Amino acid sequence: MTEQKVYDLAIIGAGPASLAAAIYTTREDISTVVIEKGVIGGLIAVTDKVENYPGFPKGIEGITLADNLREQAERFGTEIRLGEVSDITVEGSLKRLTTTDGDIYAKAVLIATGTDFKKVDIPGEKEFYAKGVHYCATCDGAFYRDKRLVLIGGGNSAVQEALFLTRFASHIDLLVRSDLKASEVLKHDLEDMVRAGKITVHLHTTTDKIVGENGKVTKVLGTDKTTGKQVEFLTDGVFVFIGLKPNTGFLRHITQLKFDEAGFLVTDNSLQTSIPGVFVAGDVRSGATMQIATAAGEGATAALRIREYLEEHGREHGA
């Protein structure tokens, strides 16, 4: 244990909240390590374009924003490591993170693991994942040039991704379980695509089964809730955008942590959990607004609260 490096702060996840926090902490010589199991930048890295992040009047590509955040954090000295965290254990004044890259010790921890795409949980979804069923239009949309698509969802993200996919697809059937819940701006843009014959919107339509042959998706079966009749949509692929769920599954066994009914982490007003020295920021926190700008803001706020915590409990740089 005496030879084990101890960081002032270990951050789980590498999305906007994480990287914003790391920028603040490393600028103040708080030794910081970020552990990420997937892609640096989180969901913004697979977002085509971010239109509502302050300072970019013409918008900015999601991957570019993610790269900028990473580069800025690393410039101040943030260490980014790839690995998956499976446990957080309190050992005296330290926290031990069990990861696939070995144990990491830190005096404070920030959980900023964000969210992941919800699944429809219907027959065929799992079987045809990455073989016609997708959750990232930016990643996989180009595979469907001049093809028909079914897109499931009726919120902002669904409509936004449907509009993006019109760059490639010959036609998109948008299946909405109830009514559209997108913003008025997006609804207006959607209407333009409907008039152009690029998108057909099917309201009050459930998605019941994804059917395929020879390893490829061929159609989607649903139910028209207004008539009760089964409907069928021939398609070459399916994109699902029905919301987000918190990435907290790896923490649910830690009884000291509190979760709300949806699985998001509960904190006090200082963004600290019921475990002293363990903080939460961004979309994974209960009550988060699910916006990139507020996630980055929470990351900065968490960094300031973590600094106060470390000062109160003493901090040895480079320990």
C-alpha atoms as a PDB file:
ATOM      1  CA  MET A   1       0.000   0.000   0.000  1.00  0.00           C
ATOM      2  CA  THR A   2       2.850   2.385   0.709  1.00  0.00           C
ATOM      3  CA  GLU A   3       4.064   2.030  -2.894  1.00  0.00           C
ATOM      4  CA  GLN A   4       0.598   2.601  -4.363  1.00  0.00           C
ATOM      5  CA  LYS A   5       0.134   6.032  -5.943  1.00  0.00           C
ATOM      6  CA  VAL A   6      -2.657   8.018  -4.342  1.00  0.00           C
ATOM      7  CA  TYR A   7      -4.520  10.591  -6.413  1.00  0.00           C
ATOM      8  CA  ASP A   8      -6.302  13.537  -4.908  1.00  0.00           C
ATOM      9  CA  LEU A   9      -9.277  12.804  -7.159  1.00  0.00           C
ATOM     10  CA  ALA A  10     -10.464   9.876  -9.253  1.00  0.00           C
ATOM     11  CA  ILE A  11     -13.242  10.574 -11.764  1.00  0.00           C
ATOM     12  CA  ILE A  12     -15.353   7.746 -13.185  1.00  0.00           C
ATOM     13  CA  GLY A  13     -16.477   8.533 -16.722  1.00  0.00           C
ATOM     14  CA  ALA A  14     -15.104  10.925 -19.345  1.00  0.00           C
ATOM     15  CA  GLY A  15     -18.098  12.949 -20.498  1.00  0.00           C
ATOM     16  CA  PRO A  16     -18.604  16.737 -20.312  1.00  0.00           C
ATOM     17  CA  ALA A  17     -19.132  16.780 -16.526  1.00  0.00           C
ATOM     18  CA  SER A  18     -16.004  14.699 -15.927  1.00  0.00           C
ATOM     19  CA  LEU A  19     -13.726  16.645 -18.251  1.00  0.00           C
ATOM     20  CA  ALA A  20     -14.995  20.030 -17.041  1.00  0.00           C
ATOM     21  CA  ALA A  21     -14.310  18.970 -13.456  1.00  0.00           C
ATOM     22  CA  ALA A  22     -10.844  17.727 -14.416  1.00  0.00           C
ATOM     23  CA  ILE A  23     -10.014  21.053 -16.086  1.00  0.00           C
ATOM     24  CA  TYR A  24     -10.816  22.871 -12.846  1.00  0.00           C
ATOM     25  CA  THR A  25      -9.065  20.448 -10.494  1.00  0.00           C
ATOM     26  CA  THR A  26      -5.843  19.985 -12.430  1.00  0.00           C
ATOM     27  CA  ARG A  27      -5.476  23.758 -12.878  1.00  0.00           C
ATOM     28  CA  GLU A  28      -5.322  23.911  -9.085  1.00  0.00           C
ATOM     29  CA  ASP A  29      -2.718  21.127  -8.825  1.00  0.00           C
ATOM     30  CA  ILE A  30      -5.252  18.576  -7.601  1.00  0.00           C
ATOM     31  CA  SER A  31      -3.854  15.344  -9.016  1.00  0.00           C
ATOM     32  CA  THR A  32      -6.673  13.865 -11.084  1.00  0.00           C
ATOM     33  CA  VAL A  33      -7.200  10.606 -12.927  1.00  0.00           C
ATOM     34  CA  VAL A  34     -10.179   9.941 -15.201  1.00  0.00           C
ATOM     35  CA  ILE A  35     -11.255   6.345 -15.815  1.00  0.00           C
ATOM     36  CA  GLU A  36     -13.384   5.665 -18.901  1.00  0.00           C
ATOM     37  CA  LYS A  37     -14.605   2.288 -20.164  1.00  0.00           C
ATOM     38  CA  GLY A  38     -15.818   3.457 -23.564  1.00  0.00           C
ATOM     39  CA  VAL A  39     -15.334   6.561 -25.662  1.00  0.00           C
ATOM     40  CA  ILE A  40     -13.841   9.831 -24.394  1.00  0.00           C
ATOM     41  CA  GLY A  41     -16.602  12.441 -24.444  1.00  0.00           C
ATOM     42  CA  GLY A  42     -19.498  10.125 -23.671  1.00  0.00           C
ATOM     43  CA  LEU A  43     -22.666  10.482 -25.731  1.00  0.00           C
ATOM     44  CA  ILE A  44     -21.585  13.819 -27.214  1.00  0.00           C
ATOM     45  CA  ALA A  45     -18.804  11.989 -29.050  1.00  0.00           C
ATOM     46  CA  VAL A  46     -21.464  10.115 -31.034  1.00  0.00           C
ATOM     47  CA  THR A  47     -23.738  13.141 -31.495  1.00  0.00           C
ATOM     48  CA  ASP A  48     -23.733  14.580 -35.005  1.00  0.00           C
ATOM     49  CA  LYS A  49     -23.960  18.253 -34.074  1.00  0.00           C
ATOM     50  CA  VAL A  50     -24.448  20.184 -30.841  1.00  0.00           C
ATOM     51  CA  GLU A  51     -26.506  23.316 -31.494  1.00  0.00           C
ATOM     52  CA  ASN A  52     -27.151  24.636 -27.977  1.00  0.00           C
ATOM     53  CA  TYR A  53     -23.716  24.723 -26.313  1.00  0.00           C
ATOM     54  CA  PRO A  54     -22.840  28.339 -25.427  1.00  0.00           C
ATOM     55  CA  GLY A  55     -20.113  29.975 -27.492  1.00  0.00           C
ATOM     56  CA  PHE A  56     -20.764  28.130 -30.761  1.00  0.00           C
ATOM     57  CA  PRO A  57     -23.365  30.170 -32.680  1.00  0.00           C
ATOM     58  CA  LYS A  58     -23.150  27.887 -35.718  1.00  0.00           C
ATOM     59  CA  GLY A  59     -23.111  24.716 -33.640  1.00  0.00           C
ATOM     60  CA  ILE A  60     -20.221  22.284 -33.237  1.00  0.00           C
ATOM     61  CA  GLU A  61     -19.748  18.627 -34.122  1.00  0.00           C
ATOM     62  CA  GLY A  62     -20.089  16.415 -31.065  1.00  0.00           C
ATOM     63  CA  ILE A  63     -16.784  14.636 -31.631  1.00  0.00           C
ATOM     64  CA  THR A  64     -15.002  17.994 -32.003  1.00  0.00           C
ATOM     65  CA  LEU A  65     -16.421  19.274 -28.720  1.00  0.00           C
ATOM     66  CA  ALA A  66     -15.400  16.028 -27.000  1.00  0.00           C
ATOM     67  CA  ASP A  67     -11.862  16.266 -28.390  1.00  0.00           C
ATOM     68  CA  ASN A  68     -11.585  19.907 -27.303  1.00  0.00           C
ATOM     69  CA  LEU A  69     -12.626  19.053 -23.734  1.00  0.00           C
ATOM     70  CA  ARG A  70     -10.186  16.135 -23.586  1.00  0.00           C
ATOM     71  CA  GLU A  71      -7.319  18.201 -24.981  1.00  0.00           C
ATOM     72  CA  GLN A  72      -7.955  21.028 -22.508  1.00  0.00           C
ATOM     73  CA  ALA A  73      -8.102  18.655 -19.542  1.00  0.00           C
ATOM     74  CA  GLU A  74      -4.904  16.881 -20.578  1.00  0.00           C
ATOM     75  CA  ARG A  75      -3.124  20.183 -21.134  1.00  0.00           C
ATOM     76  CA  PHE A  76      -3.547  20.964 -17.431  1.00  0.00           C
ATOM     77  CA  GLY A  77      -2.289  17.538 -16.399  1.00  0.00           C
ATOM     78  CA  THR A  78      -5.323  15.256 -16.259  1.00  0.00           C
ATOM     79  CA  GLU A  79      -4.433  11.573 -16.580  1.00  0.00           C
ATOM     80  CA  ILE A  80      -6.979   9.612 -18.623  1.00  0.00           C
ATOM     81  CA  ARG A  81      -6.998   5.834 -18.316  1.00  0.00           C
ATOM     82  CA  LEU A  82      -9.153   3.272 -20.104  1.00  0.00           C
ATOM     83  CA  GLY A  83     -10.765   0.745 -17.807  1.00  0.00           C
ATOM     84  CA  GLU A  84     -14.035  -0.292 -16.219  1.00  0.00           C
ATOM     85  CA  VAL A  85     -14.788   0.361 -12.556  1.00  0.00           C
ATOM     86  CA  SER A  86     -16.632  -2.388 -10.687  1.00  0.00           C
ATOM     87  CA  ASP A  87     -16.487  -1.212  -7.067  1.00  0.00           C
ATOM     88  CA  ILE A  88     -15.740   1.695  -4.721  1.00  0.00           C
ATOM     89  CA  THR A  89     -14.469   0.796  -1.265  1.00  0.00           C
ATOM     90  CA  VAL A  90     -13.687   3.157   1.612  1.00  0.00           C
ATOM     91  CA  GLU A  91     -10.354   2.323   3.248  1.00  0.00           C
ATOM     92  CA  GLY A  92      -9.665   4.795   6.032  1.00  0.00           C
ATOM     93  CA  SER A  93      -9.273   8.249   4.498  1.00  0.00           C
ATOM     94  CA  LEU A  94      -8.943   6.797   0.988  1.00  0.00           C
ATOM     95  CA  LYS A  95     -11.292   5.349  -1.601  1.00  0.00           C
ATOM     96  CA  ARG A  96     -10.212   2.275  -3.550  1.00  0.00           C
ATOM     97  CA  LEU A  97     -11.602   1.855  -7.045  1.00  0.00           C
ATOM     98  CA  THR A  98     -11.546  -1.690  -8.358  1.00  0.00           C
ATOM     99  CA  THR A  99     -10.980  -1.489 -12.115  1.00  0.00           C
ATOM    100  CA  THR A 100     -10.034  -3.729 -15.017  1.00  0.00           C
ATOM    101  CA  ASP A 101      -6.770  -1.772 -15.093  1.00  0.00           C
ATOM    102  CA  GLY A 102      -5.977  -2.503 -11.440  1.00  0.00           C
ATOM    103  CA  ASP A 103      -6.861  -0.788  -8.163  1.00  0.00           C
ATOM    104  CA  ILE A 104      -6.799   3.000  -8.035  1.00  0.00           C
ATOM    105  CA  TYR A 105      -6.598   4.920  -4.754  1.00  0.00           C
ATOM    106  CA  ALA A 106      -7.852   8.459  -4.302  1.00  0.00           C
ATOM    107  CA  LYS A 107      -8.843  10.835  -1.532  1.00  0.00           C
ATOM    108  CA  ALA A 108     -12.042  11.851  -3.337  1.00  0.00           C
ATOM    109  CA  VAL A 109     -14.164  10.356  -6.094  1.00  0.00           C
ATOM    110  CA  LEU A 110     -16.433  11.977  -8.666  1.00  0.00           C
ATOM    111  CA  ILE A 111     -19.016   9.735 -10.333  1.00  0.00           C
ATOM    112  CA  ALA A 112     -19.926  11.210 -13.712  1.00  0.00           C
ATOM    113  CA  THR A 113     -20.836   8.148 -15.747  1.00  0.00           C
ATOM    114  CA  GLY A 114     -23.716   9.773 -17.605  1.00  0.00           C
ATOM    115  CA  THR A 115     -26.460   7.837 -19.324  1.00  0.00           C
ATOM    116  CA  ASP A 116     -26.958   5.241 -22.040  1.00  0.00           C
ATOM    117  CA  PHE A 117     -29.671   4.614 -24.592  1.00  0.00           C
ATOM    118  CA  LYS A 118     -32.820   2.829 -23.444  1.00  0.00           C
ATOM    119  CA  LYS A 119     -33.832  -0.345 -25.219  1.00  0.00           C
ATOM    120  CA  VAL A 120     -37.327  -1.192 -26.473  1.00  0.00           C
ATOM    121  CA  ASP A 121     -36.986  -4.766 -25.147  1.00  0.00           C
ATOM    122  CA  ILE A 122     -38.933  -6.462 -27.914  1.00  0.00           C
ATOM    123  CA  PRO A 123     -38.267  -9.670 -29.870  1.00  0.00           C
ATOM    124  CA  GLY A 124     -35.557  -9.188 -32.463  1.00  0.00           C
ATOM    125  CA  GLU A 125     -33.937  -6.132 -30.864  1.00  0.00           C
ATOM    126  CA  LYS A 126     -31.129  -8.018 -29.173  1.00  0.00           C
ATOM    127  CA  GLU A 127     -30.744 -10.586 -31.933  1.00  0.00           C
ATOM    128  CA  PHE A 128     -30.224  -7.959 -34.626  1.00  0.00           C
ATOM    129  CA  TYR A 129     -28.157  -5.483 -32.605  1.00  0.00           C
ATOM    130  CA  ALA A 130     -25.489  -4.030 -34.948  1.00  0.00           C
ATOM    131  CA  LYS A 131     -27.008  -6.155 -37.727  1.00  0.00           C
ATOM    132  CA  GLY A 132     -29.808  -3.758 -38.498  1.00  0.00           C
ATOM    133  CA  VAL A 133     -30.695  -2.400 -35.043  1.00  0.00           C
ATOM    134  CA  HIS A 134     -28.791   0.700 -33.924  1.00  0.00           C
ATOM    135  CA  TYR A 135     -28.768   3.444 -31.278  1.00  0.00           C
ATOM    136  CA  CYS A 136     -26.358   5.929 -32.859  1.00  0.00           C
ATOM    137  CA  ALA A 137     -27.311   7.688 -36.089  1.00  0.00           C
ATOM    138  CA  THR A 138     -23.923   9.384 -36.403  1.00  0.00           C
ATOM    139  CA  CYS A 139     -22.109   6.062 -36.056  1.00  0.00           C
ATOM    140  CA  ASP A 140     -24.230   3.921 -38.363  1.00  0.00           C
ATOM    141  CA  GLY A 141     -26.417   6.152 -40.510  1.00  0.00           C
ATOM    142  CA  ALA A 142     -24.076   6.134 -43.503  1.00  0.00           C
ATOM    143  CA  PHE A 143     -24.582   2.368 -43.886  1.00  0.00           C
ATOM    144  CA  TYR A 144     -28.144   3.070 -45.018  1.00  0.00           C
ATOM    145  CA  ARG A 145     -27.610   5.298 -48.029  1.00  0.00           C
ATOM    146  CA  ASP A 146     -30.676   5.032 -50.293  1.00  0.00           C
ATOM    147  CA  LYS A 147     -32.265   2.510 -47.894  1.00  0.00           C
ATOM    148  CA  ARG A 148     -35.535   2.515 -45.959  1.00  0.00           C
ATOM    149  CA  LEU A 149     -35.393   2.944 -42.195  1.00  0.00           C
ATOM    150  CA  VAL A 150     -37.690   2.683 -39.192  1.00  0.00           C
ATOM    151  CA  LEU A 151     -36.952   5.045 -36.329  1.00  0.00           C
ATOM    152  CA  ILE A 152     -38.562   4.511 -32.919  1.00  0.00           C
ATOM    153  CA  GLY A 153     -39.245   7.459 -30.602  1.00  0.00           C
ATOM    154  CA  GLY A 154     -41.035  10.766 -30.383  1.00  0.00           C
ATOM    155  CA  GLY A 155     -38.906  13.109 -28.287  1.00  0.00           C
ATOM    156  CA  ASN A 156     -36.243  15.660 -29.189  1.00  0.00           C
ATOM    157  CA  SER A 157     -33.492  13.116 -29.746  1.00  0.00           C
ATOM    158  CA  ALA A 158     -35.676  10.919 -31.956  1.00  0.00           C
ATOM    159  CA  VAL A 159     -36.731  13.777 -34.214  1.00  0.00           C
ATOM    160  CA  GLN A 160     -33.214  15.224 -34.302  1.00  0.00           C
ATOM    161  CA  GLU A 161     -31.741  11.870 -35.334  1.00  0.00           C
ATOM    162  CA  ALA A 162     -34.507  11.295 -37.884  1.00  0.00           C
ATOM    163  CA  LEU A 163     -33.657  14.613 -39.523  1.00  0.00           C
ATOM    164  CA  PHE A 164     -29.983  13.643 -39.587  1.00  0.00           C
ATOM    165  CA  LEU A 165     -30.736  10.250 -41.138  1.00  0.00           C
ATOM    166  CA  THR A 166     -32.546  11.894 -44.074  1.00  0.00           C
ATOM    167  CA  ARG A 167     -29.051  12.644 -45.386  1.00  0.00           C
ATOM    168  CA  PHE A 168     -28.729   8.951 -46.168  1.00  0.00           C
ATOM    169  CA  ALA A 169     -32.045   7.102 -46.130  1.00  0.00           C
ATOM    170  CA  SER A 170     -34.480   7.140 -49.034  1.00  0.00           C
ATOM    171  CA  HIS A 171     -37.391   7.123 -46.564  1.00  0.00           C
ATOM    172  CA  ILE A 172     -37.933   6.956 -42.797  1.00  0.00           C
ATOM    173  CA  ASP A 173     -40.990   5.660 -40.945  1.00  0.00           C
ATOM    174  CA  LEU A 174     -41.057   7.361 -37.544  1.00  0.00           C
ATOM    175  CA  LEU A 175     -42.999   5.239 -35.031  1.00  0.00           C
ATOM    176  CA  VAL A 176     -44.286   7.246 -32.062  1.00  0.00           C
ATOM    177  CA  ARG A 177     -45.998   5.366 -29.226  1.00  0.00           C
ATOM    178  CA  SER A 178     -48.175   8.353 -28.257  1.00  0.00           C
ATOM    179  CA  ASP A 179     -47.769  11.974 -29.401  1.00  0.00           C
ATOM    180  CA  LEU A 180     -44.682  13.886 -30.498  1.00  0.00           C
ATOM    181  CA  LYS A 181     -42.901  15.472 -27.540  1.00  0.00           C
ATOM    182  CA  ALA A 182     -40.223  17.322 -29.494  1.00  0.00           C
ATOM    183  CA  SER A 183     -39.634  21.076 -29.381  1.00  0.00           C
ATOM    184  CA  GLU A 184     -41.566  23.347 -31.729  1.00  0.00           C
ATOM    185  CA  VAL A 185     -38.399  24.096 -33.714  1.00  0.00           C
ATOM    186  CA  LEU A 186     -37.773  20.405 -34.339  1.00  0.00           C
ATOM    187  CA  LYS A 187     -41.439  19.800 -35.166  1.00  0.00           C
ATOM    188  CA  HIS A 188     -41.228  22.527 -37.800  1.00  0.00           C
ATOM    189  CA  ASP A 189     -38.140  20.936 -39.369  1.00  0.00           C
ATOM    190  CA  LEU A 190     -39.844  17.536 -39.227  1.00  0.00           C
ATOM    191  CA  GLU A 191     -42.883  18.896 -41.071  1.00  0.00           C
ATOM    192  CA  ASP A 192     -40.572  20.068 -43.868  1.00  0.00           C
ATOM    193  CA  MET A 193     -39.235  16.523 -44.264  1.00  0.00           C
ATOM    194  CA  VAL A 194     -42.764  15.089 -44.157  1.00  0.00           C
ATOM    195  CA  ARG A 195     -43.843  17.422 -46.955  1.00  0.00           C
ATOM    196  CA  ALA A 196     -40.745  16.439 -48.929  1.00  0.00           C
ATOM    197  CA  GLY A 197     -41.735  12.778 -48.626  1.00  0.00           C
ATOM    198  CA  LYS A 198     -38.596  11.845 -46.701  1.00  0.00           C
ATOM    199  CA  ILE A 199     -40.338  10.979 -43.404  1.00  0.00           C
ATOM    200  CA  THR A 200     -43.728   9.511 -42.539  1.00  0.00           C
ATOM    201  CA  VAL A 201     -44.857   9.953 -38.933  1.00  0.00           C
ATOM    202  CA  HIS A 202     -47.003   7.205 -37.393  1.00  0.00           C
ATOM    203  CA  LEU A 203     -48.510   8.459 -34.125  1.00  0.00           C
ATOM    204  CA  HIS A 204     -50.002   6.124 -31.490  1.00  0.00           C
ATOM    205  CA  THR A 205     -48.110   3.197 -32.970  1.00  0.00           C
ATOM    206  CA  THR A 206     -46.355   0.604 -30.843  1.00  0.00           C
ATOM    207  CA  THR A 207     -43.292  -1.367 -31.897  1.00  0.00           C
ATOM    208  CA  ASP A 208     -43.900  -5.053 -31.176  1.00  0.00           C
ATOM    209  CA  LYS A 209     -41.293  -7.075 -33.055  1.00  0.00           C
ATOM    210  CA  ILE A 210     -38.265  -6.703 -35.312  1.00  0.00           C
ATOM    211  CA  VAL A 211     -38.168  -9.370 -38.011  1.00  0.00           C
ATOM    212  CA  GLY A 212     -35.265 -10.444 -40.190  1.00  0.00           C
ATOM    213  CA  GLU A 213     -33.983 -13.049 -42.576  1.00  0.00           C
ATOM    214  CA  ASN A 214     -30.459 -14.354 -43.171  1.00  0.00           C
ATOM    215  CA  GLY A 215     -29.067 -12.134 -40.419  1.00  0.00           C
ATOM    216  CA  LYS A 216     -30.608  -8.909 -41.779  1.00  0.00           C
ATOM    217  CA  VAL A 217     -33.590  -6.850 -40.621  1.00  0.00           C
ATOM    218  CA  THR A 218     -36.457  -6.910 -43.103  1.00  0.00           C
ATOM    219  CA  LYS A 219     -39.468  -5.445 -41.316  1.00  0.00           C
ATOM    220  CA  VAL A 220     -40.963  -4.128 -38.096  1.00  0.00           C
ATOM    221  CA  LEU A 221     -44.318  -5.216 -36.721  1.00  0.00           C
ATOM    222  CA  GLY A 222     -46.384  -2.843 -34.623  1.00  0.00           C
ATOM    223  CA  THR A 223     -49.902  -2.016 -33.507  1.00  0.00           C
ATOM    224  CA  ASP A 224     -51.975   0.999 -34.500  1.00  0.00           C
ATOM    225  CA  LYS A 225     -53.437   1.913 -31.089  1.00  0.00           C
ATOM    226  CA  THR A 226     -56.302   3.886 -32.652  1.00  0.00           C
ATOM    227  CA  THR A 227     -57.634   0.851 -34.560  1.00  0.00           C
ATOM    228  CA  GLY A 228     -56.046  -2.017 -32.630  1.00  0.00           C
ATOM    229  CA  LYS A 229     -54.811  -3.509 -35.913  1.00  0.00           C
ATOM    230  CA  GLN A 230     -51.315  -4.830 -36.567  1.00  0.00           C
ATOM    231  CA  VAL A 231     -49.202  -2.757 -38.934  1.00  0.00           C
ATOM    232  CA  GLU A 232     -46.076  -3.732 -40.847  1.00  0.00           C
ATOM    233  CA  PHE A 233     -43.170  -1.610 -42.024  1.00  0.00           C
ATOM    234  CA  LEU A 234     -40.668  -2.963 -44.537  1.00  0.00           C
ATOM    235  CA  THR A 235     -37.210  -1.672 -43.658  1.00  0.00           C
ATOM    236  CA  ASP A 236     -33.490  -2.208 -44.042  1.00  0.00           C
ATOM    237  CA  GLY A 237     -32.664  -1.023 -40.533  1.00  0.00           C
ATOM    238  CA  VAL A 238     -34.050   0.203 -37.220  1.00  0.00           C
ATOM    239  CA  PHE A 239     -32.815   3.099 -35.087  1.00  0.00           C
ATOM    240  CA  VAL A 240     -34.043   3.393 -31.484  1.00  0.00           C
ATOM    241  CA  PHE A 241     -34.215   6.732 -29.625  1.00  0.00           C
ATOM    242  CA  ILE A 242     -36.644   6.388 -26.710  1.00  0.00           C
ATOM    243  CA  GLY A 243     -34.708   8.058 -23.925  1.00  0.00           C
ATOM    244  CA  LEU A 244     -31.785   7.526 -21.609  1.00  0.00           C
ATOM    245  CA  LYS A 245     -31.022   5.456 -18.521  1.00  0.00           C
ATOM    246  CA  PRO A 246     -28.329   6.141 -15.884  1.00  0.00           C
ATOM    247  CA  ASN A 247     -25.071   4.222 -15.975  1.00  0.00           C
ATOM    248  CA  THR A 248     -25.258   3.157 -12.337  1.00  0.00           C
ATOM    249  CA  GLY A 249     -25.617  -0.618 -12.588  1.00  0.00           C
ATOM    250  CA  PHE A 250     -22.052  -1.198 -11.397  1.00  0.00           C
ATOM    251  CA  LEU A 251     -22.796   0.759  -8.211  1.00  0.00           C
ATOM    252  CA  ARG A 252     -26.155  -0.693  -7.165  1.00  0.00           C
ATOM    253  CA  HIS A 253     -24.558  -3.148  -4.730  1.00  0.00           C
ATOM    254  CA  ILE A 254     -23.022  -0.299  -2.682  1.00  0.00           C
ATOM    255  CA  THR A 255     -25.623   0.063   0.076  1.00  0.00           C
ATOM    256  CA  GLN A 256     -24.293   3.416   1.323  1.00  0.00           C
ATOM    257  CA  LEU A 257     -25.230   5.081  -1.968  1.00  0.00           C
ATOM    258  CA  LYS A 258     -28.778   6.304  -2.526  1.00  0.00           C
ATOM    259  CA  PHE A 259     -30.656   6.022  -5.824  1.00  0.00           C
ATOM    260  CA  ASP A 260     -33.983   7.408  -6.964  1.00  0.00           C
ATOM    261  CA  GLU A 261     -36.711   5.228  -8.514  1.00  0.00           C
ATOM    262  CA  ALA A 262     -35.148   5.480 -11.971  1.00  0.00           C
ATOM    263  CA  GLY A 263     -31.678   4.523 -10.728  1.00  0.00           C
ATOM    264  CA  PHE A 264     -30.096   7.989 -10.730  1.00  0.00           C
ATOM    265  CA  LEU A 265     -27.731   8.866  -7.873  1.00  0.00           C
ATOM    266  CA  VAL A 266     -29.036  11.098  -5.075  1.00  0.00           C
ATOM    267  CA  THR A 267     -26.788  13.818  -3.629  1.00  0.00           C
ATOM    268  CA  ASP A 268     -27.008  16.724  -1.237  1.00  0.00           C
ATOM    269  CA  ASN A 269     -26.809  20.364  -2.324  1.00  0.00           C
ATOM    270  CA  SER A 270     -23.015  20.145  -2.532  1.00  0.00           C
ATOM    271  CA  LEU A 271     -23.283  17.246  -5.025  1.00  0.00           C
ATOM    272  CA  GLN A 272     -21.924  14.839  -2.389  1.00  0.00           C
ATOM    273  CA  THR A 273     -23.395  11.383  -1.838  1.00  0.00           C
ATOM    274  CA  SER A 274     -24.021   9.789   1.543  1.00  0.00           C
ATOM    275  CA  ILE A 275     -20.406   8.566   1.395  1.00  0.00           C
ATOM    276  CA  PRO A 276     -18.136  11.464   2.437  1.00  0.00           C
ATOM    277  CA  GLY A 277     -15.758  12.366  -0.342  1.00  0.00           C
ATOM    278  CA  VAL A 278     -17.792  10.702  -3.093  1.00  0.00           C
ATOM    279  CA  PHE A 279     -19.483  13.237  -5.383  1.00  0.00           C
ATOM    280  CA  VAL A 280     -21.749  13.070  -8.438  1.00  0.00           C
ATOM    281  CA  ALA A 281     -22.144  15.398 -11.422  1.00  0.00           C
ATOM    282  CA  GLY A 282     -23.867  15.420 -14.781  1.00  0.00           C
ATOM    283  CA  ASP A 283     -26.679  13.339 -16.256  1.00  0.00           C
ATOM    284  CA  VAL A 284     -26.213  10.433 -13.825  1.00  0.00           C
ATOM    285  CA  ARG A 285     -27.319  12.617 -10.889  1.00  0.00           C
ATOM    286  CA  SER A 286     -30.941  12.581  -9.771  1.00  0.00           C
ATOM    287  CA  GLY A 287     -32.565  15.835 -10.898  1.00  0.00           C
ATOM    288  CA  ALA A 288     -30.124  16.516 -13.731  1.00  0.00           C
ATOM    289  CA  THR A 289     -31.484  18.472 -16.690  1.00  0.00           C
ATOM    290  CA  MET A 290     -29.821  16.236 -19.320  1.00  0.00           C
ATOM    291  CA  GLN A 291     -28.114  19.102 -21.120  1.00  0.00           C
ATOM    292  CA  ILE A 292     -24.432  19.287 -22.099  1.00  0.00           C
ATOM    293  CA  ALA A 293     -24.046  22.830 -20.798  1.00  0.00           C
ATOM    294  CA  THR A 294     -25.489  22.009 -17.373  1.00  0.00           C
ATOM    295  CA  ALA A 295     -23.405  18.827 -17.154  1.00  0.00           C
ATOM    296  CA  ALA A 296     -20.251  20.860 -17.739  1.00  0.00           C
ATOM    297  CA  GLY A 297     -21.460  23.416 -15.197  1.00  0.00           C
ATOM    298  CA  GLU A 298     -22.088  20.717 -12.611  1.00  0.00           C
ATOM    299  CA  GLY A 299     -18.618  19.344 -13.267  1.00  0.00           C
ATOM    300  CA  ALA A 300     -17.116  22.737 -12.462  1.00  0.00           C
ATOM    301  CA  THR A 301     -19.283  23.043  -9.348  1.00  0.00           C
ATOM    302  CA  ALA A 302     -18.306  19.566  -8.200  1.00  0.00           C
ATOM    303  CA  ALA A 303     -14.634  20.446  -8.671  1.00  0.00           C
ATOM    304  CA  LEU A 304     -15.004  23.425  -6.331  1.00  0.00           C
ATOM    305  CA  ARG A 305     -16.820  21.307  -3.733  1.00  0.00           C
ATOM    306  CA  ILE A 306     -14.140  18.623  -4.010  1.00  0.00           C
ATOM    307  CA  ARG A 307     -11.437  21.225  -3.474  1.00  0.00           C
ATOM    308  CA  GLU A 308     -13.218  22.338  -0.293  1.00  0.00           C
ATOM    309  CA  TYR A 309     -13.495  18.725   0.842  1.00  0.00           C
ATOM    310  CA  LEU A 310      -9.792  18.072   0.246  1.00  0.00           C
ATOM    311  CA  GLU A 311      -8.777  21.272   2.019  1.00  0.00           C
ATOM    312  CA  GLU A 312     -10.920  20.371   4.997  1.00  0.00           C
ATOM    313  CA  HIS A 313      -9.528  16.856   5.194  1.00  0.00           C
ATOM    314  CA  GLY A 314      -5.966  17.776   4.205  1.00  0.00           C
ATOM    315  CA  ARG A 315      -4.283  17.126   0.932  1.00  0.00           C
ATOM    316  CA  GLU A 316      -0.751  16.069   0.111  1.00  0.00           C
ATOM    317  CA  HIS A 317       0.106  16.866  -3.504  1.00  0.00           C
ATOM    318  CA  GLY A 318       1.721  14.033  -5.403  1.00  0.00           C
ATOM    319  CA  ALA A 319       1.146  11.553  -2.565  1.00  0.00           C
END
